[in-house]
């Protein structure tokens, strides 16, 4: 009787566990975790060759998997600063080196109280950017096919391998 109860509990626990593609991660730490949320059928073709309908389907899947769930999905990404700018708010901009054949760009929005700390970052510095995912989408940015990863309410820490430059 005890073994039957334990077996039933084990089955119940297993039924609550979704496959990694079905679960929303608590924290995204690399772009591969984002790409894993693109429907398998779309992964068979190169994204740069997708039709508009395929691109919309991929964006919808990314939104449902990473943006819509509560609590918000967070990102914690090790990046190299490409620019710190005021693009409708203080923005940390980076490009993620990859072998996908298209740009993967990260835009991290900060509140004004981060302005002095952001001023310490320069192009080429390494930092860990953290924030809530607000948008993840395939789109044309600056005339180029791009996977944009947009974060809000960001913070950063200098990458421990990157000494402070004076």
C-alpha atoms as a PDB file:
ATOM      1  CA  UNK A   1       0.000   0.000   0.000  1.00  0.00           C
ATOM      2  CA  UNK A   2       2.823   2.393   0.878  1.00  0.00           C
ATOM      3  CA  UNK A   3       4.581   1.715  -2.420  1.00  0.00           C
ATOM      4  CA  UNK A   4       1.342   2.416  -4.345  1.00  0.00           C
ATOM      5  CA  UNK A   5       0.937   5.751  -2.548  1.00  0.00           C
ATOM      6  CA  UNK A   6       4.575   6.659  -3.231  1.00  0.00           C
ATOM      7  CA  UNK A   7       4.164   5.676  -6.881  1.00  0.00           C
ATOM      8  CA  UNK A   8       1.036   7.859  -7.167  1.00  0.00           C
ATOM      9  CA  UNK A   9       2.861  10.808  -5.567  1.00  0.00           C
ATOM     10  CA  UNK A  10       5.798  10.348  -7.942  1.00  0.00           C
ATOM     11  CA  UNK A  11       3.450  10.318 -10.957  1.00  0.00           C
ATOM     12  CA  UNK A  12       1.713  13.443  -9.708  1.00  0.00           C
ATOM     13  CA  UNK A  13       5.046  15.210  -9.262  1.00  0.00           C
ATOM     14  CA  UNK A  14       6.186  14.178 -12.747  1.00  0.00           C
ATOM     15  CA  UNK A  15       2.940  15.389 -14.304  1.00  0.00           C
ATOM     16  CA  UNK A  16       3.603  18.846 -12.844  1.00  0.00           C
ATOM     17  CA  UNK A  17       6.986  19.055 -14.539  1.00  0.00           C
ATOM     18  CA  UNK A  18       6.755  20.521 -18.037  1.00  0.00           C
ATOM     19  CA  UNK A  19       9.366  19.990 -20.683  1.00  0.00           C
ATOM     20  CA  UNK A  20      12.051  22.714 -20.800  1.00  0.00           C
ATOM     21  CA  UNK A  21      10.457  24.237 -23.928  1.00  0.00           C
ATOM     22  CA  UNK A  22       7.053  24.432 -22.217  1.00  0.00           C
ATOM     23  CA  UNK A  23       8.339  26.054 -19.025  1.00  0.00           C
ATOM     24  CA  UNK A  24       9.070  29.715 -18.681  1.00  0.00           C
ATOM     25  CA  UNK A  25      12.543  30.032 -17.199  1.00  0.00           C
ATOM     26  CA  UNK A  26      13.034  32.301 -14.233  1.00  0.00           C
ATOM     27  CA  UNK A  27      16.193  33.787 -15.695  1.00  0.00           C
ATOM     28  CA  UNK A  28      17.528  33.795 -19.254  1.00  0.00           C
ATOM     29  CA  UNK A  29      21.333  33.746 -19.251  1.00  0.00           C
ATOM     30  CA  UNK A  30      22.163  33.436 -22.957  1.00  0.00           C
ATOM     31  CA  UNK A  31      20.622  33.856 -26.376  1.00  0.00           C
ATOM     32  CA  UNK A  32      20.390  30.087 -26.921  1.00  0.00           C
ATOM     33  CA  UNK A  33      17.722  29.977 -24.202  1.00  0.00           C
ATOM     34  CA  UNK A  34      15.732  32.509 -26.220  1.00  0.00           C
ATOM     35  CA  UNK A  35      16.178  30.596 -29.495  1.00  0.00           C
ATOM     36  CA  UNK A  36      14.940  27.408 -27.806  1.00  0.00           C
ATOM     37  CA  UNK A  37      11.524  29.084 -27.483  1.00  0.00           C
ATOM     38  CA  UNK A  38      11.107  29.420 -31.263  1.00  0.00           C
ATOM     39  CA  UNK A  39       8.732  26.686 -32.471  1.00  0.00           C
ATOM     40  CA  UNK A  40      10.594  23.598 -33.694  1.00  0.00           C
ATOM     41  CA  UNK A  41       8.936  23.792 -37.125  1.00  0.00           C
ATOM     42  CA  UNK A  42      10.383  27.288 -37.621  1.00  0.00           C
ATOM     43  CA  UNK A  43      13.819  26.229 -36.396  1.00  0.00           C
ATOM     44  CA  UNK A  44      14.131  24.055 -39.500  1.00  0.00           C
ATOM     45  CA  UNK A  45      14.559  27.150 -41.703  1.00  0.00           C
ATOM     46  CA  UNK A  46      17.004  30.023 -41.344  1.00  0.00           C
ATOM     47  CA  UNK A  47      15.236  32.995 -39.739  1.00  0.00           C
ATOM     48  CA  UNK A  48      16.683  35.350 -42.365  1.00  0.00           C
ATOM     49  CA  UNK A  49      14.633  33.426 -44.953  1.00  0.00           C
ATOM     50  CA  UNK A  50      11.356  33.413 -43.036  1.00  0.00           C
ATOM     51  CA  UNK A  51       8.232  34.863 -44.582  1.00  0.00           C
ATOM     52  CA  UNK A  52       6.439  37.658 -42.731  1.00  0.00           C
ATOM     53  CA  UNK A  53       3.913  35.107 -41.427  1.00  0.00           C
ATOM     54  CA  UNK A  54       6.712  32.892 -40.075  1.00  0.00           C
ATOM     55  CA  UNK A  55       8.388  35.872 -38.402  1.00  0.00           C
ATOM     56  CA  UNK A  56       5.078  36.842 -36.768  1.00  0.00           C
ATOM     57  CA  UNK A  57       4.583  33.251 -35.568  1.00  0.00           C
ATOM     58  CA  UNK A  58       8.085  33.172 -34.055  1.00  0.00           C
ATOM     59  CA  UNK A  59       7.548  36.543 -32.360  1.00  0.00           C
ATOM     60  CA  UNK A  60       4.201  35.398 -30.979  1.00  0.00           C
ATOM     61  CA  UNK A  61       5.777  32.218 -29.573  1.00  0.00           C
ATOM     62  CA  UNK A  62       8.587  34.235 -27.969  1.00  0.00           C
ATOM     63  CA  UNK A  63       6.071  36.647 -26.447  1.00  0.00           C
ATOM     64  CA  UNK A  64       3.959  33.824 -25.000  1.00  0.00           C
ATOM     65  CA  UNK A  65       6.979  31.955 -23.627  1.00  0.00           C
ATOM     66  CA  UNK A  66       9.076  34.829 -22.301  1.00  0.00           C
ATOM     67  CA  UNK A  67       7.100  38.077 -21.986  1.00  0.00           C
ATOM     68  CA  UNK A  68       3.547  37.145 -20.980  1.00  0.00           C
ATOM     69  CA  UNK A  69       4.199  34.828 -18.001  1.00  0.00           C
ATOM     70  CA  UNK A  70       3.974  36.217 -14.489  1.00  0.00           C
ATOM     71  CA  UNK A  71       6.220  36.712 -12.716  1.00  0.00           C
ATOM     72  CA  UNK A  72       8.204  38.417 -15.453  1.00  0.00           C
ATOM     73  CA  UNK A  73      11.069  36.509 -16.992  1.00  0.00           C
ATOM     74  CA  UNK A  74      14.409  38.057 -16.046  1.00  0.00           C
ATOM     75  CA  UNK A  75      17.586  38.176 -18.072  1.00  0.00           C
ATOM     76  CA  UNK A  76      21.121  38.098 -16.731  1.00  0.00           C
ATOM     77  CA  UNK A  77      23.507  38.521 -19.636  1.00  0.00           C
ATOM     78  CA  UNK A  78      27.291  38.908 -19.786  1.00  0.00           C
ATOM     79  CA  UNK A  79      27.799  41.578 -22.442  1.00  0.00           C
ATOM     80  CA  UNK A  80      30.312  43.941 -23.950  1.00  0.00           C
ATOM     81  CA  UNK A  81      29.170  47.553 -24.021  1.00  0.00           C
ATOM     82  CA  UNK A  82      28.685  48.896 -27.518  1.00  0.00           C
ATOM     83  CA  UNK A  83      26.980  52.140 -26.459  1.00  0.00           C
ATOM     84  CA  UNK A  84      25.350  53.876 -23.526  1.00  0.00           C
ATOM     85  CA  UNK A  85      22.831  56.320 -24.970  1.00  0.00           C
ATOM     86  CA  UNK A  86      19.664  58.235 -24.264  1.00  0.00           C
ATOM     87  CA  UNK A  87      17.277  56.569 -26.713  1.00  0.00           C
ATOM     88  CA  UNK A  88      13.945  57.447 -25.149  1.00  0.00           C
ATOM     89  CA  UNK A  89      15.568  56.754 -21.775  1.00  0.00           C
ATOM     90  CA  UNK A  90      18.981  55.643 -20.582  1.00  0.00           C
ATOM     91  CA  UNK A  91      19.899  52.611 -22.676  1.00  0.00           C
ATOM     92  CA  UNK A  92      22.688  50.034 -22.429  1.00  0.00           C
ATOM     93  CA  UNK A  93      23.273  48.642 -25.926  1.00  0.00           C
ATOM     94  CA  UNK A  94      25.214  45.506 -26.835  1.00  0.00           C
ATOM     95  CA  UNK A  95      25.481  43.025 -29.676  1.00  0.00           C
ATOM     96  CA  UNK A  96      25.856  39.361 -28.834  1.00  0.00           C
ATOM     97  CA  UNK A  97      28.475  37.568 -30.914  1.00  0.00           C
ATOM     98  CA  UNK A  98      26.839  34.534 -32.499  1.00  0.00           C
ATOM     99  CA  UNK A  99      26.927  32.111 -35.421  1.00  0.00           C
ATOM    100  CA  UNK A 100      23.277  32.534 -36.392  1.00  0.00           C
ATOM    101  CA  UNK A 101      23.946  34.697 -39.456  1.00  0.00           C
ATOM    102  CA  UNK A 102      22.062  37.750 -38.144  1.00  0.00           C
ATOM    103  CA  UNK A 103      22.394  40.381 -35.424  1.00  0.00           C
ATOM    104  CA  UNK A 104      21.329  39.692 -31.859  1.00  0.00           C
ATOM    105  CA  UNK A 105      21.008  43.047 -30.152  1.00  0.00           C
ATOM    106  CA  UNK A 106      20.298  43.792 -26.500  1.00  0.00           C
ATOM    107  CA  UNK A 107      18.714  47.038 -25.323  1.00  0.00           C
ATOM    108  CA  UNK A 108      18.579  47.601 -21.570  1.00  0.00           C
ATOM    109  CA  UNK A 109      16.578  50.529 -20.162  1.00  0.00           C
ATOM    110  CA  UNK A 110      17.601  52.170 -16.881  1.00  0.00           C
ATOM    111  CA  UNK A 111      15.934  54.613 -14.543  1.00  0.00           C
ATOM    112  CA  UNK A 112      17.478  58.077 -14.100  1.00  0.00           C
ATOM    113  CA  UNK A 113      19.017  57.125 -10.753  1.00  0.00           C
ATOM    114  CA  UNK A 114      21.461  54.908 -12.674  1.00  0.00           C
ATOM    115  CA  UNK A 115      22.805  57.808 -14.779  1.00  0.00           C
ATOM    116  CA  UNK A 116      26.012  58.376 -12.766  1.00  0.00           C
ATOM    117  CA  UNK A 117      26.826  54.664 -12.615  1.00  0.00           C
ATOM    118  CA  UNK A 118      26.157  54.214 -16.338  1.00  0.00           C
ATOM    119  CA  UNK A 119      28.584  57.067 -17.018  1.00  0.00           C
ATOM    120  CA  UNK A 120      31.358  54.827 -15.658  1.00  0.00           C
ATOM    121  CA  UNK A 121      30.848  52.341 -18.510  1.00  0.00           C
ATOM    122  CA  UNK A 122      32.660  52.833 -21.781  1.00  0.00           C
ATOM    123  CA  UNK A 123      32.509  51.064 -25.136  1.00  0.00           C
ATOM    124  CA  UNK A 124      34.316  47.735 -24.829  1.00  0.00           C
ATOM    125  CA  UNK A 125      33.721  47.280 -21.075  1.00  0.00           C
ATOM    126  CA  UNK A 126      32.298  43.956 -19.933  1.00  0.00           C
ATOM    127  CA  UNK A 127      29.290  43.955 -17.648  1.00  0.00           C
ATOM    128  CA  UNK A 128      26.509  41.718 -16.433  1.00  0.00           C
ATOM    129  CA  UNK A 129      23.206  43.323 -17.412  1.00  0.00           C
ATOM    130  CA  UNK A 130      20.103  42.272 -15.486  1.00  0.00           C
ATOM    131  CA  UNK A 131      16.497  43.254 -16.041  1.00  0.00           C
ATOM    132  CA  UNK A 132      12.960  42.185 -16.827  1.00  0.00           C
ATOM    133  CA  UNK A 133      12.353  40.971 -20.370  1.00  0.00           C
ATOM    134  CA  UNK A 134       9.910  43.401 -22.012  1.00  0.00           C
ATOM    135  CA  UNK A 135      10.255  42.404 -25.653  1.00  0.00           C
ATOM    136  CA  UNK A 136      11.992  39.640 -27.587  1.00  0.00           C
ATOM    137  CA  UNK A 137      11.377  39.794 -31.303  1.00  0.00           C
ATOM    138  CA  UNK A 138      12.718  39.330 -34.763  1.00  0.00           C
ATOM    139  CA  UNK A 139      12.602  42.650 -36.574  1.00  0.00           C
ATOM    140  CA  UNK A 140      14.555  44.934 -38.870  1.00  0.00           C
ATOM    141  CA  UNK A 141      16.744  47.301 -36.858  1.00  0.00           C
ATOM    142  CA  UNK A 142      18.832  49.878 -38.671  1.00  0.00           C
ATOM    143  CA  UNK A 143      18.011  48.109 -41.931  1.00  0.00           C
ATOM    144  CA  UNK A 144      19.289  44.716 -40.768  1.00  0.00           C
ATOM    145  CA  UNK A 145      17.543  41.495 -39.718  1.00  0.00           C
ATOM    146  CA  UNK A 146      17.842  41.346 -35.943  1.00  0.00           C
ATOM    147  CA  UNK A 147      16.730  39.424 -32.909  1.00  0.00           C
ATOM    148  CA  UNK A 148      16.096  42.216 -30.391  1.00  0.00           C
ATOM    149  CA  UNK A 149      16.174  41.423 -26.695  1.00  0.00           C
ATOM    150  CA  UNK A 150      14.777  44.357 -24.727  1.00  0.00           C
ATOM    151  CA  UNK A 151      15.030  44.687 -20.952  1.00  0.00           C
ATOM    152  CA  UNK A 152      13.549  47.209 -18.566  1.00  0.00           C
ATOM    153  CA  UNK A 153      14.262  48.192 -14.965  1.00  0.00           C
ATOM    154  CA  UNK A 154      17.869  47.185 -15.473  1.00  0.00           C
ATOM    155  CA  UNK A 155      20.883  47.048 -13.241  1.00  0.00           C
ATOM    156  CA  UNK A 156      24.444  46.133 -14.054  1.00  0.00           C
ATOM    157  CA  UNK A 157      27.613  44.988 -12.399  1.00  0.00           C
ATOM    158  CA  UNK A 158      31.023  45.095 -13.939  1.00  0.00           C
ATOM    159  CA  UNK A 159      32.136  41.718 -15.129  1.00  0.00           C
ATOM    160  CA  UNK A 160      34.661  40.465 -12.589  1.00  0.00           C
ATOM    161  CA  UNK A 161      37.097  39.759 -15.434  1.00  0.00           C
ATOM    162  CA  UNK A 162      36.918  43.419 -16.510  1.00  0.00           C
ATOM    163  CA  UNK A 163      38.945  45.717 -14.268  1.00  0.00           C
ATOM    164  CA  UNK A 164      37.737  49.263 -13.695  1.00  0.00           C
ATOM    165  CA  UNK A 165      39.392  51.512 -16.254  1.00  0.00           C
ATOM    166  CA  UNK A 166      40.447  54.934 -15.053  1.00  0.00           C
END
